[in-house]
Amino acid sequence: MDEPNGTVIVIEDDAHISDLVAAYLRRDGFRVLQRPDGLAGVDSALAEPTRLVIVDVGLPGEIDGFEVCRRLRREGAVPIIMLTARDDEIDRVLGLELGADDYVTKPFSARELVARVHAILRRSEAAPVGTPTVLTLGDLEIDMGRREVRTPAGTIPLANREFDLLAFLVANKGLALSRQQLLNGVWGDGWYGDERTVDVHVRQLRKKLGPSLPLTTVWGVGYRLA
């Protein structure tokens, strides 16, 4: 059977959940590698041409899902969806700060999860139609094709959502954008998370880009890129 959509790695120790998610992904044309622990999952993600990783937070063994995310982010920008049985805001924020692209609480619909996979891949692998190949902001260059942010000192690594948020802000610079507008523009209308997600990613952009990011908070509204 052809697997035209590439490889997704599912790192989940619950065999029932892993098999269910894998079955839905394979039905949609993905090649799926199932790994029961974090070390095996990281090894596979770094050895294989991987399009996306789905990882459970509460993994057994030496490293949990947060550490998996941390290690993968040190090596590249492969999209990551985190799964958790805990609906805890602190866990959700930590996952997003580590660079996860989405965060799904158990129990979840496998069909919805696969829909999120497709949505993340569409956004992470294609520049918006009509957008210049390279956007500029002061001494920053935002390369939409290579999905890189460059400064005179070198390249600044960003997670996929961080890159998309920066590109959206630059494309709309000068406008005061509400958190809901940013969610709709970057995460899409089907996003199920709350507005705090925007604040987490803004904090990460400010931390990574520093003074090169002239982003101001518009109280009662959201954010504006000067």
C-alpha atoms as a PDB file:
ATOM      1  CA  MET A   1       0.000   0.000   0.000  1.00  0.00           C
ATOM      2  CA  ASP A   2       1.329   3.456  -0.945  1.00  0.00           C
ATOM      3  CA  GLU A   3       2.118   5.865   1.889  1.00  0.00           C
ATOM      4  CA  PRO A   4       2.215   9.205   0.060  1.00  0.00           C
ATOM      5  CA  ASN A   5       1.968  11.398   3.134  1.00  0.00           C
ATOM      6  CA  GLY A   6       5.293  10.441   4.691  1.00  0.00           C
ATOM      7  CA  THR A   7       6.211   9.200   8.141  1.00  0.00           C
ATOM      8  CA  VAL A   8       4.556  10.009  11.474  1.00  0.00           C
ATOM      9  CA  ILE A   9       6.084   8.644  14.669  1.00  0.00           C
ATOM     10  CA  VAL A  10       3.670   7.816  17.505  1.00  0.00           C
ATOM     11  CA  ILE A  11       5.419   7.634  20.902  1.00  0.00           C
ATOM     12  CA  GLU A  12       2.824   6.134  23.245  1.00  0.00           C
ATOM     13  CA  ASP A  13       3.107   3.343  25.819  1.00  0.00           C
ATOM     14  CA  ASP A  14      -0.623   2.549  25.828  1.00  0.00           C
ATOM     15  CA  ALA A  15      -0.854  -0.033  23.034  1.00  0.00           C
ATOM     16  CA  HIS A  16      -4.599   0.505  22.515  1.00  0.00           C
ATOM     17  CA  ILE A  17      -4.218   4.253  21.985  1.00  0.00           C
ATOM     18  CA  SER A  18      -1.114   3.802  19.846  1.00  0.00           C
ATOM     19  CA  ASP A  19      -2.816   1.227  17.608  1.00  0.00           C
ATOM     20  CA  LEU A  20      -5.949   3.359  17.244  1.00  0.00           C
ATOM     21  CA  VAL A  21      -4.046   6.501  16.271  1.00  0.00           C
ATOM     22  CA  ALA A  22      -1.808   4.513  13.917  1.00  0.00           C
ATOM     23  CA  ALA A  23      -4.799   2.915  12.191  1.00  0.00           C
ATOM     24  CA  TYR A  24      -6.396   6.294  11.462  1.00  0.00           C
ATOM     25  CA  LEU A  25      -3.109   7.755  10.227  1.00  0.00           C
ATOM     26  CA  ARG A  26      -2.432   4.789   7.947  1.00  0.00           C
ATOM     27  CA  ARG A  27      -5.926   5.070   6.531  1.00  0.00           C
ATOM     28  CA  ASP A  28      -5.021   8.641   5.543  1.00  0.00           C
ATOM     29  CA  GLY A  29      -1.889   7.508   3.735  1.00  0.00           C
ATOM     30  CA  PHE A  30       0.799   7.985   6.398  1.00  0.00           C
ATOM     31  CA  ARG A  31       3.583   5.588   7.208  1.00  0.00           C
ATOM     32  CA  VAL A  32       3.453   5.135  10.990  1.00  0.00           C
ATOM     33  CA  LEU A  33       6.215   4.043  13.337  1.00  0.00           C
ATOM     34  CA  GLN A  34       4.982   3.159  16.832  1.00  0.00           C
ATOM     35  CA  ARG A  35       7.397   3.499  19.728  1.00  0.00           C
ATOM     36  CA  PRO A  36       6.545   2.646  23.369  1.00  0.00           C
ATOM     37  CA  ASP A  37       9.105   4.888  25.102  1.00  0.00           C
ATOM     38  CA  GLY A  38      10.842   8.216  24.713  1.00  0.00           C
ATOM     39  CA  LEU A  39      14.361   7.056  23.911  1.00  0.00           C
ATOM     40  CA  ALA A  40      13.197   4.782  21.092  1.00  0.00           C
ATOM     41  CA  GLY A  41      10.953   7.549  19.796  1.00  0.00           C
ATOM     42  CA  VAL A  42      13.720  10.160  19.725  1.00  0.00           C
ATOM     43  CA  ASP A  43      16.115   7.733  18.026  1.00  0.00           C
ATOM     44  CA  SER A  44      13.539   6.997  15.308  1.00  0.00           C
ATOM     45  CA  ALA A  45      12.631  10.656  14.803  1.00  0.00           C
ATOM     46  CA  LEU A  46      16.288  11.572  14.304  1.00  0.00           C
ATOM     47  CA  ALA A  47      17.046   8.593  12.059  1.00  0.00           C
ATOM     48  CA  GLU A  48      13.959   8.759   9.824  1.00  0.00           C
ATOM     49  CA  PRO A  49      12.737  11.481   7.415  1.00  0.00           C
ATOM     50  CA  THR A  50       9.867  12.338   9.773  1.00  0.00           C
ATOM     51  CA  ARG A  51       7.024  14.741   8.975  1.00  0.00           C
ATOM     52  CA  LEU A  52       5.442  14.833  12.436  1.00  0.00           C
ATOM     53  CA  VAL A  53       5.758  13.322  15.921  1.00  0.00           C
ATOM     54  CA  ILE A  54       2.884  12.499  18.289  1.00  0.00           C
ATOM     55  CA  VAL A  55       4.156  11.962  21.835  1.00  0.00           C
ATOM     56  CA  ASP A  56       2.479  11.143  25.138  1.00  0.00           C
ATOM     57  CA  VAL A  57       3.583  13.307  28.075  1.00  0.00           C
ATOM     58  CA  GLY A  58       3.475  10.513  30.666  1.00  0.00           C
ATOM     59  CA  LEU A  59       5.888   8.026  29.119  1.00  0.00           C
ATOM     60  CA  PRO A  60       7.614   5.323  31.167  1.00  0.00           C
ATOM     61  CA  GLY A  61      11.375   4.899  31.185  1.00  0.00           C
ATOM     62  CA  GLU A  62      14.221   7.375  31.282  1.00  0.00           C
ATOM     63  CA  ILE A  63      12.577  10.354  29.560  1.00  0.00           C
ATOM     64  CA  ASP A  64       9.009  11.661  29.485  1.00  0.00           C
ATOM     65  CA  GLY A  65       7.202  13.473  26.684  1.00  0.00           C
ATOM     66  CA  PHE A  66       8.513  16.878  27.723  1.00  0.00           C
ATOM     67  CA  GLU A  67      12.092  15.665  27.458  1.00  0.00           C
ATOM     68  CA  VAL A  68      11.312  14.089  24.079  1.00  0.00           C
ATOM     69  CA  CYS A  69      10.064  17.473  22.880  1.00  0.00           C
ATOM     70  CA  ARG A  70      13.113  19.234  24.316  1.00  0.00           C
ATOM     71  CA  ARG A  71      15.543  16.879  22.587  1.00  0.00           C
ATOM     72  CA  LEU A  72      13.768  17.023  19.234  1.00  0.00           C
ATOM     73  CA  ARG A  73      13.684  20.810  19.340  1.00  0.00           C
ATOM     74  CA  ARG A  74      17.447  20.912  19.868  1.00  0.00           C
ATOM     75  CA  GLU A  75      17.846  19.028  16.597  1.00  0.00           C
ATOM     76  CA  GLY A  76      15.237  20.619  14.346  1.00  0.00           C
ATOM     77  CA  ALA A  77      11.706  21.852  13.777  1.00  0.00           C
ATOM     78  CA  VAL A  78       9.748  18.655  13.152  1.00  0.00           C
ATOM     79  CA  PRO A  79       6.095  19.351  14.133  1.00  0.00           C
ATOM     80  CA  ILE A  80       5.119  17.840  17.508  1.00  0.00           C
ATOM     81  CA  ILE A  81       1.704  17.064  18.987  1.00  0.00           C
ATOM     82  CA  MET A  82       1.694  16.222  22.700  1.00  0.00           C
ATOM     83  CA  LEU A  83      -0.874  13.902  24.274  1.00  0.00           C
ATOM     84  CA  THR A  84      -1.719  13.946  27.965  1.00  0.00           C
ATOM     85  CA  ALA A  85      -4.204  12.485  30.400  1.00  0.00           C
ATOM     86  CA  ARG A  86      -3.868  15.607  32.557  1.00  0.00           C
ATOM     87  CA  ASP A  87      -5.888  18.705  31.730  1.00  0.00           C
ATOM     88  CA  ASP A  88      -3.445  20.910  33.625  1.00  0.00           C
ATOM     89  CA  GLU A  89      -2.716  24.412  32.357  1.00  0.00           C
ATOM     90  CA  ILE A  90       0.851  24.297  33.702  1.00  0.00           C
ATOM     91  CA  ASP A  91       1.575  21.156  31.680  1.00  0.00           C
ATOM     92  CA  ARG A  92      -0.011  22.674  28.591  1.00  0.00           C
ATOM     93  CA  VAL A  93       2.012  25.874  28.877  1.00  0.00           C
ATOM     94  CA  LEU A  94       5.231  23.927  29.470  1.00  0.00           C
ATOM     95  CA  GLY A  95       4.614  21.812  26.387  1.00  0.00           C
ATOM     96  CA  LEU A  96       4.040  24.889  24.242  1.00  0.00           C
ATOM     97  CA  GLU A  97       7.101  26.641  25.660  1.00  0.00           C
ATOM     98  CA  LEU A  98       9.218  23.626  24.752  1.00  0.00           C
ATOM     99  CA  GLY A  99       8.063  24.017  21.155  1.00  0.00           C
ATOM    100  CA  ALA A 100       5.095  21.670  20.799  1.00  0.00           C
ATOM    101  CA  ASP A 101       2.765  22.643  17.961  1.00  0.00           C
ATOM    102  CA  ASP A 102      -0.392  21.290  19.575  1.00  0.00           C
ATOM    103  CA  TYR A 103      -1.534  19.767  22.859  1.00  0.00           C
ATOM    104  CA  VAL A 104      -4.363  17.213  23.022  1.00  0.00           C
ATOM    105  CA  THR A 105      -6.004  15.985  26.239  1.00  0.00           C
ATOM    106  CA  LYS A 106      -7.155  12.375  26.621  1.00  0.00           C
ATOM    107  CA  PRO A 107      -9.690  11.062  25.890  1.00  0.00           C
ATOM    108  CA  PHE A 108      -9.707  12.421  22.365  1.00  0.00           C
ATOM    109  CA  SER A 109     -11.202  11.621  18.979  1.00  0.00           C
ATOM    110  CA  ALA A 110      -8.698   9.880  16.712  1.00  0.00           C
ATOM    111  CA  ARG A 111     -10.427  11.465  13.730  1.00  0.00           C
ATOM    112  CA  GLU A 112      -9.962  14.933  15.247  1.00  0.00           C
ATOM    113  CA  LEU A 113      -6.314  14.189  16.014  1.00  0.00           C
ATOM    114  CA  VAL A 114      -5.641  13.230  12.399  1.00  0.00           C
ATOM    115  CA  ALA A 115      -7.396  16.420  11.265  1.00  0.00           C
ATOM    116  CA  ARG A 116      -5.003  18.380  13.481  1.00  0.00           C
ATOM    117  CA  VAL A 117      -2.071  16.514  11.947  1.00  0.00           C
ATOM    118  CA  HIS A 118      -3.139  17.605   8.464  1.00  0.00           C
ATOM    119  CA  ALA A 119      -3.723  21.203   9.600  1.00  0.00           C
ATOM    120  CA  ILE A 120      -0.290  21.459  11.234  1.00  0.00           C
ATOM    121  CA  LEU A 121       1.447  20.005   8.194  1.00  0.00           C
ATOM    122  CA  ARG A 122      -0.343  22.403   5.846  1.00  0.00           C
ATOM    123  CA  ARG A 123       0.770  25.383   7.900  1.00  0.00           C
ATOM    124  CA  SER A 124       4.290  24.237   8.643  1.00  0.00           C
ATOM    125  CA  GLU A 125       5.268  23.211   5.124  1.00  0.00           C
ATOM    126  CA  ALA A 126       3.799  25.884   2.857  1.00  0.00           C
ATOM    127  CA  ALA A 127       4.220  29.636   2.681  1.00  0.00           C
ATOM    128  CA  PRO A 128       0.929  31.588   2.464  1.00  0.00           C
ATOM    129  CA  VAL A 129      -0.156  32.295  -1.105  1.00  0.00           C
ATOM    130  CA  GLY A 130       0.893  35.777  -2.194  1.00  0.00           C
ATOM    131  CA  THR A 131       3.443  36.173   0.611  1.00  0.00           C
ATOM    132  CA  PRO A 132       6.952  37.279  -0.444  1.00  0.00           C
ATOM    133  CA  THR A 133       9.598  34.586  -0.153  1.00  0.00           C
ATOM    134  CA  VAL A 134      11.572  36.674   2.360  1.00  0.00           C
ATOM    135  CA  LEU A 135       9.985  39.124   4.792  1.00  0.00           C
ATOM    136  CA  THR A 136      12.089  41.735   6.567  1.00  0.00           C
ATOM    137  CA  LEU A 137      11.801  43.330   9.982  1.00  0.00           C
ATOM    138  CA  GLY A 138      14.683  45.583  10.895  1.00  0.00           C
ATOM    139  CA  ASP A 139      17.754  43.352  10.828  1.00  0.00           C
ATOM    140  CA  LEU A 140      15.631  40.198  10.715  1.00  0.00           C
ATOM    141  CA  GLU A 141      15.007  38.189   7.556  1.00  0.00           C
ATOM    142  CA  ILE A 142      12.055  35.783   7.680  1.00  0.00           C
ATOM    143  CA  ASP A 143      12.579  33.266   4.894  1.00  0.00           C
ATOM    144  CA  MET A 144       9.165  31.732   4.173  1.00  0.00           C
ATOM    145  CA  GLY A 145      10.491  29.087   1.819  1.00  0.00           C
ATOM    146  CA  ARG A 146      13.246  27.806   4.095  1.00  0.00           C
ATOM    147  CA  ARG A 147      11.269  28.672   7.253  1.00  0.00           C
ATOM    148  CA  GLU A 148      14.294  30.368   8.751  1.00  0.00           C
ATOM    149  CA  VAL A 149      14.804  33.564  10.705  1.00  0.00           C
ATOM    150  CA  ARG A 150      18.189  35.140  10.034  1.00  0.00           C
ATOM    151  CA  THR A 151      20.106  37.989  11.643  1.00  0.00           C
ATOM    152  CA  PRO A 152      23.571  39.352  10.840  1.00  0.00           C
ATOM    153  CA  ALA A 153      24.821  37.099  13.665  1.00  0.00           C
ATOM    154  CA  GLY A 154      23.260  33.947  12.256  1.00  0.00           C
ATOM    155  CA  THR A 155      20.074  31.880  12.162  1.00  0.00           C
ATOM    156  CA  ILE A 156      17.655  31.894  15.129  1.00  0.00           C
ATOM    157  CA  PRO A 157      15.856  28.534  15.551  1.00  0.00           C
ATOM    158  CA  LEU A 158      12.103  28.848  16.043  1.00  0.00           C
ATOM    159  CA  ALA A 159       9.439  26.219  16.599  1.00  0.00           C
ATOM    160  CA  ASN A 160       6.864  25.949  13.811  1.00  0.00           C
ATOM    161  CA  ARG A 161       4.121  27.887  15.604  1.00  0.00           C
ATOM    162  CA  GLU A 162       6.598  30.557  16.667  1.00  0.00           C
ATOM    163  CA  PHE A 163       7.677  30.984  13.056  1.00  0.00           C
ATOM    164  CA  ASP A 164       4.074  31.145  11.821  1.00  0.00           C
ATOM    165  CA  LEU A 165       3.155  33.701  14.492  1.00  0.00           C
ATOM    166  CA  LEU A 166       6.141  35.891  13.624  1.00  0.00           C
ATOM    167  CA  ALA A 167       5.344  35.721   9.895  1.00  0.00           C
ATOM    168  CA  PHE A 168       1.705  36.644  10.561  1.00  0.00           C
ATOM    169  CA  LEU A 169       2.705  39.593  12.758  1.00  0.00           C
ATOM    170  CA  VAL A 170       5.164  40.865  10.144  1.00  0.00           C
ATOM    171  CA  ALA A 171       2.568  40.522   7.366  1.00  0.00           C
ATOM    172  CA  ASN A 172       0.204  42.637   9.502  1.00  0.00           C
ATOM    173  CA  LYS A 173       2.691  45.007  11.124  1.00  0.00           C
ATOM    174  CA  GLY A 174       1.268  48.270  12.357  1.00  0.00           C
ATOM    175  CA  LEU A 175      -2.113  46.694  13.153  1.00  0.00           C
ATOM    176  CA  ALA A 176      -3.378  46.013  16.668  1.00  0.00           C
ATOM    177  CA  LEU A 177      -4.368  42.353  16.549  1.00  0.00           C
ATOM    178  CA  SER A 178      -6.522  40.667  19.151  1.00  0.00           C
ATOM    179  CA  ARG A 179      -5.531  37.290  20.537  1.00  0.00           C
ATOM    180  CA  GLN A 180      -8.526  35.769  18.745  1.00  0.00           C
ATOM    181  CA  GLN A 181      -7.370  37.267  15.434  1.00  0.00           C
ATOM    182  CA  LEU A 182      -3.938  35.779  16.004  1.00  0.00           C
ATOM    183  CA  LEU A 183      -5.425  32.396  16.863  1.00  0.00           C
ATOM    184  CA  ASN A 184      -7.562  32.443  13.720  1.00  0.00           C
ATOM    185  CA  GLY A 185      -4.691  33.601  11.519  1.00  0.00           C
ATOM    186  CA  VAL A 186      -1.981  31.296  12.848  1.00  0.00           C
ATOM    187  CA  TRP A 187      -3.704  28.309  14.440  1.00  0.00           C
ATOM    188  CA  GLY A 188      -6.806  28.349  12.231  1.00  0.00           C
ATOM    189  CA  ASP A 189     -10.538  28.419  12.902  1.00  0.00           C
ATOM    190  CA  GLY A 190     -10.532  24.817  14.099  1.00  0.00           C
ATOM    191  CA  TRP A 191      -8.161  25.467  17.021  1.00  0.00           C
ATOM    192  CA  TYR A 192      -9.601  24.185  20.291  1.00  0.00           C
ATOM    193  CA  GLY A 193      -7.175  25.799  22.743  1.00  0.00           C
ATOM    194  CA  ASP A 194      -7.552  29.043  24.680  1.00  0.00           C
ATOM    195  CA  GLU A 195      -6.125  32.509  24.095  1.00  0.00           C
ATOM    196  CA  ARG A 196      -3.302  31.965  26.590  1.00  0.00           C
ATOM    197  CA  THR A 197      -1.618  29.956  23.853  1.00  0.00           C
ATOM    198  CA  VAL A 198      -0.883  33.237  22.057  1.00  0.00           C
ATOM    199  CA  ASP A 199       0.738  34.743  25.160  1.00  0.00           C
ATOM    200  CA  VAL A 200       2.992  31.714  25.583  1.00  0.00           C
ATOM    201  CA  HIS A 201       4.265  31.953  22.013  1.00  0.00           C
ATOM    202  CA  VAL A 202       4.687  35.731  22.207  1.00  0.00           C
ATOM    203  CA  ARG A 203       6.803  35.254  25.340  1.00  0.00           C
ATOM    204  CA  GLN A 204       8.972  32.742  23.489  1.00  0.00           C
ATOM    205  CA  LEU A 205       9.430  35.064  20.505  1.00  0.00           C
ATOM    206  CA  ARG A 206      10.435  37.937  22.775  1.00  0.00           C
ATOM    207  CA  LYS A 207      12.905  35.695  24.582  1.00  0.00           C
ATOM    208  CA  LYS A 208      14.514  34.431  21.370  1.00  0.00           C
ATOM    209  CA  LEU A 209      14.475  37.622  19.287  1.00  0.00           C
ATOM    210  CA  GLY A 210      14.993  40.246  22.002  1.00  0.00           C
ATOM    211  CA  PRO A 211      15.208  43.886  20.839  1.00  0.00           C
ATOM    212  CA  SER A 212      14.942  42.779  17.203  1.00  0.00           C
ATOM    213  CA  LEU A 213      11.221  42.204  17.794  1.00  0.00           C
ATOM    214  CA  PRO A 214       9.456  45.575  18.248  1.00  0.00           C
ATOM    215  CA  LEU A 215       6.276  43.965  19.571  1.00  0.00           C
ATOM    216  CA  THR A 216       4.115  45.919  21.993  1.00  0.00           C
ATOM    217  CA  THR A 217       1.214  44.787  24.133  1.00  0.00           C
ATOM    218  CA  VAL A 218      -2.019  46.670  23.444  1.00  0.00           C
ATOM    219  CA  TRP A 219      -3.887  46.392  26.722  1.00  0.00           C
ATOM    220  CA  GLY A 220      -7.421  45.142  26.365  1.00  0.00           C
ATOM    221  CA  VAL A 221      -6.776  44.138  22.738  1.00  0.00           C
ATOM    222  CA  GLY A 222      -3.701  42.029  22.055  1.00  0.00           C
ATOM    223  CA  TYR A 223      -0.427  42.845  20.292  1.00  0.00           C
ATOM    224  CA  ARG A 224       0.964  45.218  17.657  1.00  0.00           C
ATOM    225  CA  LEU A 225       4.192  44.918  15.722  1.00  0.00           C
ATOM    226  CA  ALA A 226       5.636  48.394  15.229  1.00  0.00           C
END
